[in-house]
Structure formats: C-alpha cells, structure tokens
Amino acid sequence: MIVPARFNGPPSSGNGGYSAGLFAGHADREVTLRRPPPLDTPLSMIDGQVRTADGAVVAEVRPPGEVDTPVPPIPYADALRAATTYAGFADHPFPTCYVCGPDRPDGLRIFPGRLPDDSTAAPWTVPDDVSAPTVWAALDCPGGWAVIAAGRPYVLGRITVRLGRLPTPGDRCVLRGALVAAEGRKALVHTTLYGPDGAELARARATWIGIAG
C-alpha cells in the first residue's frame, strides 16, 4: 500500500481519513493511527498492523466498533450557506489538506461551516475518481471542524466508518459533523454523508486529538 502525496492532510503526511480508508480496504473497519501516515512510502499489512519497511507501526486495523446515531440531514441549500462561514478560510492549520484545504484547487473542496447548534455542514460535489478511501476522507474533516478552532488544531486519531454505498460521480451531496464529547486533548465526533435524495450513504465515529498549535 502507498498513500500518494496528493492525498495529504498536513503537508508531509497523509490525510487521516483517506489513509484510514486505504488501510481498511473495501470493508467497514476501525482504524487507529499510531503515527502520521507517510506519503509515497511502501506500507505493509501484518497481523492487523500497517507497518513501514523498517517495522514502524503506522496504524492498527480492527473489526468495526459501534457507529452511533447519524448527524441529522439538512437541505443542500442550507449546507451551501453554512460553507460560506467556514472558519478554515480565515485560519486553517493545514491549508493544503486534500479534503478541506482552501489552497487545494485539486482537492475535495469540502468546507464545513458551523450551524447555530455548533454542528457542521458542507456541500460536496463527488469527483469522477470516487472510491471507498475518498468517502472515508470526506467523512473525516467535517467532524474535525466541529472542534477545531483558531489556535486549537486537531488531527484524526481513530475512525470507524460504516459505508452503505458509494455516491455517483457528479452527485451533489451533504456532509454533516457534530461534536459528541470532549475531554482533555480528545474529542469524539460523528459525521454522516447524505446523497442528493437525502438518503444516508455513510456514517463515521471518530476520535480527534489536539496538538500543539
């Protein structure tokens, strides 16, 4: 397995959601990231662990845990309005992130804005090369932006995804994120992906970890 450089989160490591989806393959799994996923580096799966050639453990992959209640859907027009308030336009810890980076014209362009209840919403036009890792990536950042704030960056630590079906290229979807609980440096978030008809396509439960700003 290799995480290509274009799928970065921070500049020198893989986007957490995309990397986790790659490690999970096409199955629902729980993936715990033990270190930033390296880019353009051969990785191997050994006994449920993703390792580098020198044996360093990058991630652990297990059967999926519980994925709780989905974040409720909202109309696409409301998600469009929410995206105009995306805090990452003004202050982004990783502005070249493949998923939510405003400086990535070739990225997924998912910009989760806050709603009055502090949940997030974003519209998403599905790319032609959509895959299971793409959906894992799309489910990643909308949850993170329910807790990320100026001077308070977070990165993905663990994610469990339940993928019902892939969206179709060109679909105009809605992504929703919500903070469930926070304690110390850890935050538990939920995210949900809805198709153009409002049907749920996938949901995720994730733990984000605060890092030094």
C-alpha atoms as a PDB file:
ATOM      1  CA  MET A   1       0.000   0.000   0.000  1.00  0.00           C
ATOM      2  CA  ILE A   2       1.106   3.563  -0.712  1.00  0.00           C
ATOM      3  CA  VAL A   3      -0.534   6.862   0.285  1.00  0.00           C
ATOM      4  CA  PRO A   4       0.165   9.075  -2.756  1.00  0.00           C
ATOM      5  CA  ALA A   5       1.452  12.557  -1.970  1.00  0.00           C
ATOM      6  CA  ARG A   6      -1.657  14.259  -3.385  1.00  0.00           C
ATOM      7  CA  PHE A   7      -3.744  12.799  -0.548  1.00  0.00           C
ATOM      8  CA  ASN A   8      -2.002  14.758   2.181  1.00  0.00           C
ATOM      9  CA  GLY A   9      -3.537  16.270   5.294  1.00  0.00           C
ATOM     10  CA  PRO A  10      -0.639  18.068   6.957  1.00  0.00           C
ATOM     11  CA  PRO A  11       1.941  18.880   4.260  1.00  0.00           C
ATOM     12  CA  SER A  12       4.195  15.888   4.955  1.00  0.00           C
ATOM     13  CA  SER A  13       1.691  13.162   5.893  1.00  0.00           C
ATOM     14  CA  GLY A  14      -1.481  11.539   4.606  1.00  0.00           C
ATOM     15  CA  ASN A  15      -4.952  12.851   5.259  1.00  0.00           C
ATOM     16  CA  GLY A  16      -6.171  10.759   8.176  1.00  0.00           C
ATOM     17  CA  GLY A  17      -9.488   9.766   6.644  1.00  0.00           C
ATOM     18  CA  TYR A  18      -8.094   8.873   3.245  1.00  0.00           C
ATOM     19  CA  SER A  19      -5.216   6.902   4.766  1.00  0.00           C
ATOM     20  CA  ALA A  20      -7.554   5.025   7.111  1.00  0.00           C
ATOM     21  CA  GLY A  21      -9.868   4.177   4.220  1.00  0.00           C
ATOM     22  CA  LEU A  22      -6.936   2.865   2.194  1.00  0.00           C
ATOM     23  CA  PHE A  23      -5.810   0.724   5.127  1.00  0.00           C
ATOM     24  CA  ALA A  24      -9.361  -0.600   5.635  1.00  0.00           C
ATOM     25  CA  GLY A  25      -9.723  -1.722   2.030  1.00  0.00           C
ATOM     26  CA  HIS A  26     -13.342  -2.091   0.962  1.00  0.00           C
ATOM     27  CA  ALA A  27     -14.601  -3.245   4.365  1.00  0.00           C
ATOM     28  CA  ASP A  28     -16.075  -1.394   7.336  1.00  0.00           C
ATOM     29  CA  ARG A  29     -13.276  -1.205   9.879  1.00  0.00           C
ATOM     30  CA  GLU A  30     -11.963   0.699  12.884  1.00  0.00           C
ATOM     31  CA  VAL A  31      -8.592   2.263  12.120  1.00  0.00           C
ATOM     32  CA  THR A  32      -6.339   3.767  14.776  1.00  0.00           C
ATOM     33  CA  LEU A  33      -3.500   5.941  13.503  1.00  0.00           C
ATOM     34  CA  ARG A  34      -0.368   5.466  15.590  1.00  0.00           C
ATOM     35  CA  ARG A  35       1.756   7.991  13.705  1.00  0.00           C
ATOM     36  CA  PRO A  36       1.272  10.379  10.774  1.00  0.00           C
ATOM     37  CA  PRO A  37       0.830   8.235   7.647  1.00  0.00           C
ATOM     38  CA  PRO A  38       3.908   8.706   5.448  1.00  0.00           C
ATOM     39  CA  LEU A  39       3.448   9.771   1.843  1.00  0.00           C
ATOM     40  CA  ASP A  40       4.749   7.864  -1.198  1.00  0.00           C
ATOM     41  CA  THR A  41       6.104   5.166   1.115  1.00  0.00           C
ATOM     42  CA  PRO A  42       5.520   1.414   0.718  1.00  0.00           C
ATOM     43  CA  LEU A  43       3.474   0.050   3.616  1.00  0.00           C
ATOM     44  CA  SER A  44       2.515  -3.497   4.522  1.00  0.00           C
ATOM     45  CA  MET A  45      -0.371  -5.025   6.472  1.00  0.00           C
ATOM     46  CA  ILE A  46       0.971  -7.510   9.035  1.00  0.00           C
ATOM     47  CA  ASP A  47      -1.320  -9.075  11.642  1.00  0.00           C
ATOM     48  CA  GLY A  48      -3.739  -6.143  11.545  1.00  0.00           C
ATOM     49  CA  GLN A  49      -0.996  -3.526  11.683  1.00  0.00           C
ATOM     50  CA  VAL A  50       0.108  -1.208   8.898  1.00  0.00           C
ATOM     51  CA  ARG A  51       3.890  -1.027   9.020  1.00  0.00           C
ATOM     52  CA  THR A  52       6.735   0.652   7.193  1.00  0.00           C
ATOM     53  CA  ALA A  53       9.595  -1.387   5.737  1.00  0.00           C
ATOM     54  CA  ASP A  54      11.603  -0.903   8.953  1.00  0.00           C
ATOM     55  CA  GLY A  55       8.727  -2.215  11.085  1.00  0.00           C
ATOM     56  CA  ALA A  56       7.341   1.065  12.451  1.00  0.00           C
ATOM     57  CA  VAL A  57       3.607   0.768  13.175  1.00  0.00           C
ATOM     58  CA  VAL A  58       1.615   3.397  11.298  1.00  0.00           C
ATOM     59  CA  ALA A  59      -1.901   2.150  12.066  1.00  0.00           C
ATOM     60  CA  GLU A  60      -3.933  -0.678  13.572  1.00  0.00           C
ATOM     61  CA  VAL A  61      -6.945  -2.063  11.705  1.00  0.00           C
ATOM     62  CA  ARG A  62      -9.692  -3.945  13.549  1.00  0.00           C
ATOM     63  CA  PRO A  63     -13.310  -5.037  13.030  1.00  0.00           C
ATOM     64  CA  PRO A  64     -15.625  -2.047  13.258  1.00  0.00           C
ATOM     65  CA  GLY A  65     -16.875  -0.767  16.585  1.00  0.00           C
ATOM     66  CA  GLU A  66     -20.281   0.810  17.100  1.00  0.00           C
ATOM     67  CA  VAL A  67     -21.150   3.733  14.833  1.00  0.00           C
ATOM     68  CA  ASP A  68     -23.743   5.750  16.696  1.00  0.00           C
ATOM     69  CA  THR A  69     -26.747   7.807  15.660  1.00  0.00           C
ATOM     70  CA  PRO A  70     -26.161   9.740  12.420  1.00  0.00           C
ATOM     71  CA  VAL A  71     -25.955  13.509  12.350  1.00  0.00           C
ATOM     72  CA  PRO A  72     -29.366  14.631  11.004  1.00  0.00           C
ATOM     73  CA  PRO A  73     -29.617  15.717   7.348  1.00  0.00           C
ATOM     74  CA  ILE A  74     -30.251  19.260   6.177  1.00  0.00           C
ATOM     75  CA  PRO A  75     -31.136  20.592   2.706  1.00  0.00           C
ATOM     76  CA  TYR A  76     -28.333  21.119   0.215  1.00  0.00           C
ATOM     77  CA  ALA A  77     -29.084  24.853   0.080  1.00  0.00           C
ATOM     78  CA  ASP A  78     -28.547  25.108   3.842  1.00  0.00           C
ATOM     79  CA  ALA A  79     -25.225  23.295   3.522  1.00  0.00           C
ATOM     80  CA  LEU A  80     -24.187  25.766   0.815  1.00  0.00           C
ATOM     81  CA  ARG A  81     -24.926  28.664   3.151  1.00  0.00           C
ATOM     82  CA  ALA A  82     -23.067  27.003   6.022  1.00  0.00           C
ATOM     83  CA  ALA A  83     -19.965  26.600   3.866  1.00  0.00           C
ATOM     84  CA  THR A  84     -19.710  30.364   3.399  1.00  0.00           C
ATOM     85  CA  THR A  85     -18.906  30.624   7.132  1.00  0.00           C
ATOM     86  CA  TYR A  86     -16.124  28.005   7.016  1.00  0.00           C
ATOM     87  CA  ALA A  87     -13.543  29.036   9.607  1.00  0.00           C
ATOM     88  CA  GLY A  88     -10.762  27.459   7.559  1.00  0.00           C
ATOM     89  CA  PHE A  89     -10.974  30.257   5.004  1.00  0.00           C
ATOM     90  CA  ALA A  90      -9.504  32.636   7.586  1.00  0.00           C
ATOM     91  CA  ASP A  91      -7.426  30.323   9.794  1.00  0.00           C
ATOM     92  CA  HIS A  92      -6.519  26.782   8.738  1.00  0.00           C
ATOM     93  CA  PRO A  93      -3.852  24.621  10.429  1.00  0.00           C
ATOM     94  CA  PHE A  94      -3.227  22.706   7.170  1.00  0.00           C
ATOM     95  CA  PRO A  95      -4.438  24.840   4.236  1.00  0.00           C
ATOM     96  CA  THR A  96      -3.226  22.341   1.624  1.00  0.00           C
ATOM     97  CA  CYS A  97      -5.243  19.427   3.081  1.00  0.00           C
ATOM     98  CA  TYR A  98      -6.654  17.285   0.268  1.00  0.00           C
ATOM     99  CA  VAL A  99     -10.124  17.284   1.846  1.00  0.00           C
ATOM    100  CA  CYS A 100     -10.753  20.708   3.369  1.00  0.00           C
ATOM    101  CA  GLY A 101      -7.787  22.854   2.370  1.00  0.00           C
ATOM    102  CA  PRO A 102      -8.768  26.148   0.724  1.00  0.00           C
ATOM    103  CA  ASP A 103      -5.383  26.155  -1.039  1.00  0.00           C
ATOM    104  CA  ARG A 104      -6.090  22.857  -2.835  1.00  0.00           C
ATOM    105  CA  PRO A 105      -7.972  23.530  -6.079  1.00  0.00           C
ATOM    106  CA  ASP A 106      -7.469  19.832  -6.941  1.00  0.00           C
ATOM    107  CA  GLY A 107      -8.815  18.585  -3.585  1.00  0.00           C
ATOM    108  CA  LEU A 108     -12.284  17.574  -2.477  1.00  0.00           C
ATOM    109  CA  ARG A 109     -13.185  21.197  -1.619  1.00  0.00           C
ATOM    110  CA  ILE A 110     -15.211  20.234   1.448  1.00  0.00           C
ATOM    111  CA  PHE A 111     -15.646  23.349   3.593  1.00  0.00           C
ATOM    112  CA  PRO A 112     -17.665  22.554   6.751  1.00  0.00           C
ATOM    113  CA  GLY A 113     -19.268  25.649   8.231  1.00  0.00           C
ATOM    114  CA  ARG A 114     -20.775  25.849  11.715  1.00  0.00           C
ATOM    115  CA  LEU A 115     -24.518  25.944  12.243  1.00  0.00           C
ATOM    116  CA  PRO A 116     -26.198  27.632  15.251  1.00  0.00           C
ATOM    117  CA  ASP A 117     -26.112  24.356  17.219  1.00  0.00           C
ATOM    118  CA  ASP A 118     -22.319  24.105  16.593  1.00  0.00           C
ATOM    119  CA  SER A 119     -22.698  21.115  14.267  1.00  0.00           C
ATOM    120  CA  THR A 120     -21.135  21.459  10.814  1.00  0.00           C
ATOM    121  CA  ALA A 121     -22.427  21.117   7.278  1.00  0.00           C
ATOM    122  CA  ALA A 122     -20.820  21.183   3.859  1.00  0.00           C
ATOM    123  CA  PRO A 123     -21.905  20.570   0.277  1.00  0.00           C
ATOM    124  CA  TRP A 124     -19.795  18.153  -1.749  1.00  0.00           C
ATOM    125  CA  THR A 125     -19.716  17.525  -5.466  1.00  0.00           C
ATOM    126  CA  VAL A 126     -18.458  13.964  -5.833  1.00  0.00           C
ATOM    127  CA  PRO A 127     -15.348  13.621  -8.036  1.00  0.00           C
ATOM    128  CA  ASP A 128     -15.022  11.268 -11.001  1.00  0.00           C
ATOM    129  CA  ASP A 129     -12.465   9.096  -9.192  1.00  0.00           C
ATOM    130  CA  VAL A 130     -14.613   8.469  -6.110  1.00  0.00           C
ATOM    131  CA  SER A 131     -13.635   5.362  -4.145  1.00  0.00           C
ATOM    132  CA  ALA A 132     -14.067   3.955  -0.643  1.00  0.00           C
ATOM    133  CA  PRO A 133     -10.983   5.861   0.637  1.00  0.00           C
ATOM    134  CA  THR A 134     -12.448   9.042  -0.909  1.00  0.00           C
ATOM    135  CA  VAL A 135     -15.611   8.592   1.158  1.00  0.00           C
ATOM    136  CA  TRP A 136     -13.565   7.930   4.305  1.00  0.00           C
ATOM    137  CA  ALA A 137     -11.714  11.179   3.556  1.00  0.00           C
ATOM    138  CA  ALA A 138     -14.971  13.078   3.045  1.00  0.00           C
ATOM    139  CA  LEU A 139     -16.235  11.810   6.419  1.00  0.00           C
ATOM    140  CA  ASP A 140     -13.054  12.931   8.168  1.00  0.00           C
ATOM    141  CA  CYS A 141     -12.780  16.728   8.223  1.00  0.00           C
ATOM    142  CA  PRO A 142     -16.457  17.722   8.788  1.00  0.00           C
ATOM    143  CA  GLY A 143     -16.204  16.093  12.209  1.00  0.00           C
ATOM    144  CA  GLY A 144     -12.879  17.706  12.973  1.00  0.00           C
ATOM    145  CA  TRP A 145     -14.220  21.168  12.231  1.00  0.00           C
ATOM    146  CA  ALA A 146     -16.843  20.677  14.930  1.00  0.00           C
ATOM    147  CA  VAL A 147     -13.991  21.035  17.450  1.00  0.00           C
ATOM    148  CA  ILE A 148     -11.131  22.815  15.611  1.00  0.00           C
ATOM    149  CA  ALA A 149     -10.818  26.495  16.486  1.00  0.00           C
ATOM    150  CA  ALA A 150      -8.272  29.262  15.947  1.00  0.00           C
ATOM    151  CA  GLY A 151      -5.083  28.278  17.732  1.00  0.00           C
ATOM    152  CA  ARG A 152      -6.560  24.863  18.589  1.00  0.00           C
ATOM    153  CA  PRO A 153      -5.570  22.372  15.850  1.00  0.00           C
ATOM    154  CA  TYR A 154      -6.608  18.718  15.958  1.00  0.00           C
ATOM    155  CA  VAL A 155      -5.683  15.626  13.935  1.00  0.00           C
ATOM    156  CA  LEU A 156      -7.503  12.350  13.447  1.00  0.00           C
ATOM    157  CA  GLY A 157      -6.607   9.595  15.906  1.00  0.00           C
ATOM    158  CA  ARG A 158      -9.196   6.864  15.273  1.00  0.00           C
ATOM    159  CA  ILE A 159     -12.109   6.409  12.897  1.00  0.00           C
ATOM    160  CA  THR A 160     -14.779   3.787  12.303  1.00  0.00           C
ATOM    161  CA  VAL A 161     -16.803   4.008   9.083  1.00  0.00           C
ATOM    162  CA  ARG A 162     -19.986   2.279   8.001  1.00  0.00           C
ATOM    163  CA  LEU A 163     -20.236   2.679   4.239  1.00  0.00           C
ATOM    164  CA  GLY A 164     -23.612   1.795   2.749  1.00  0.00           C
ATOM    165  CA  ARG A 165     -22.814   2.658  -0.854  1.00  0.00           C
ATOM    166  CA  LEU A 166     -20.574   4.927  -2.860  1.00  0.00           C
ATOM    167  CA  PRO A 167     -22.047   8.140  -4.247  1.00  0.00           C
ATOM    168  CA  THR A 168     -22.079   8.614  -8.008  1.00  0.00           C
ATOM    169  CA  PRO A 169     -19.579  10.967  -9.699  1.00  0.00           C
ATOM    170  CA  GLY A 170     -21.148  14.407 -10.016  1.00  0.00           C
ATOM    171  CA  ASP A 171     -23.641  13.860  -7.177  1.00  0.00           C
ATOM    172  CA  ARG A 172     -24.281  16.917  -5.025  1.00  0.00           C
ATOM    173  CA  CYS A 173     -24.107  15.515  -1.518  1.00  0.00           C
ATOM    174  CA  VAL A 174     -24.313  16.935   2.003  1.00  0.00           C
ATOM    175  CA  LEU A 175     -21.858  16.169   4.790  1.00  0.00           C
ATOM    176  CA  ARG A 176     -22.715  16.708   8.442  1.00  0.00           C
ATOM    177  CA  GLY A 177     -20.466  16.718  11.509  1.00  0.00           C
ATOM    178  CA  ALA A 178     -21.087  17.039  15.237  1.00  0.00           C
ATOM    179  CA  LEU A 179     -19.074  17.067  18.439  1.00  0.00           C
ATOM    180  CA  VAL A 180     -20.330  14.394  20.845  1.00  0.00           C
ATOM    181  CA  ALA A 181     -17.910  14.765  23.761  1.00  0.00           C
ATOM    182  CA  ALA A 182     -14.563  16.335  24.598  1.00  0.00           C
ATOM    183  CA  GLU A 183     -12.166  15.630  27.442  1.00  0.00           C
ATOM    184  CA  GLY A 184      -8.639  16.963  27.659  1.00  0.00           C
ATOM    185  CA  ARG A 185      -6.986  16.653  24.261  1.00  0.00           C
ATOM    186  CA  LYS A 186      -9.517  14.132  22.922  1.00  0.00           C
ATOM    187  CA  ALA A 187     -12.761  14.863  21.094  1.00  0.00           C
ATOM    188  CA  LEU A 188     -15.368  12.337  19.939  1.00  0.00           C
ATOM    189  CA  VAL A 189     -17.210  13.343  16.765  1.00  0.00           C
ATOM    190  CA  HIS A 190     -19.788  11.872  14.404  1.00  0.00           C
ATOM    191  CA  THR A 191     -20.122  12.511  10.677  1.00  0.00           C
ATOM    192  CA  THR A 192     -22.691  11.466   8.093  1.00  0.00           C
ATOM    193  CA  LEU A 193     -22.820  11.604   4.298  1.00  0.00           C
ATOM    194  CA  TYR A 194     -26.156  12.112   2.521  1.00  0.00           C
ATOM    195  CA  GLY A 195     -26.878  11.679  -1.181  1.00  0.00           C
ATOM    196  CA  PRO A 196     -28.790  14.069  -3.473  1.00  0.00           C
ATOM    197  CA  ASP A 197     -32.091  12.430  -2.496  1.00  0.00           C
ATOM    198  CA  GLY A 198     -31.388  12.868   1.228  1.00  0.00           C
ATOM    199  CA  ALA A 199     -30.668   9.165   1.786  1.00  0.00           C
ATOM    200  CA  GLU A 200     -27.804   8.273   4.105  1.00  0.00           C
ATOM    201  CA  LEU A 201     -24.794   6.848   2.254  1.00  0.00           C
ATOM    202  CA  ALA A 202     -22.221   6.510   5.055  1.00  0.00           C
ATOM    203  CA  ARG A 203     -21.521   7.463   8.641  1.00  0.00           C
ATOM    204  CA  ALA A 204     -18.481   7.617  10.900  1.00  0.00           C
ATOM    205  CA  ARG A 205     -17.436   7.839  14.517  1.00  0.00           C
ATOM    206  CA  ALA A 206     -14.011   9.360  15.150  1.00  0.00           C
ATOM    207  CA  THR A 207     -11.640  10.492  17.864  1.00  0.00           C
ATOM    208  CA  TRP A 208      -9.613  13.621  17.192  1.00  0.00           C
ATOM    209  CA  ILE A 209      -6.511  14.561  19.166  1.00  0.00           C
ATOM    210  CA  GLY A 210      -5.464  18.122  19.985  1.00  0.00           C
ATOM    211  CA  ILE A 211      -1.880  19.016  19.064  1.00  0.00           C
ATOM    212  CA  ALA A 212       0.350  21.979  19.803  1.00  0.00           C
ATOM    213  CA  GLY A 213      -0.526  24.980  17.670  1.00  0.00           C
END
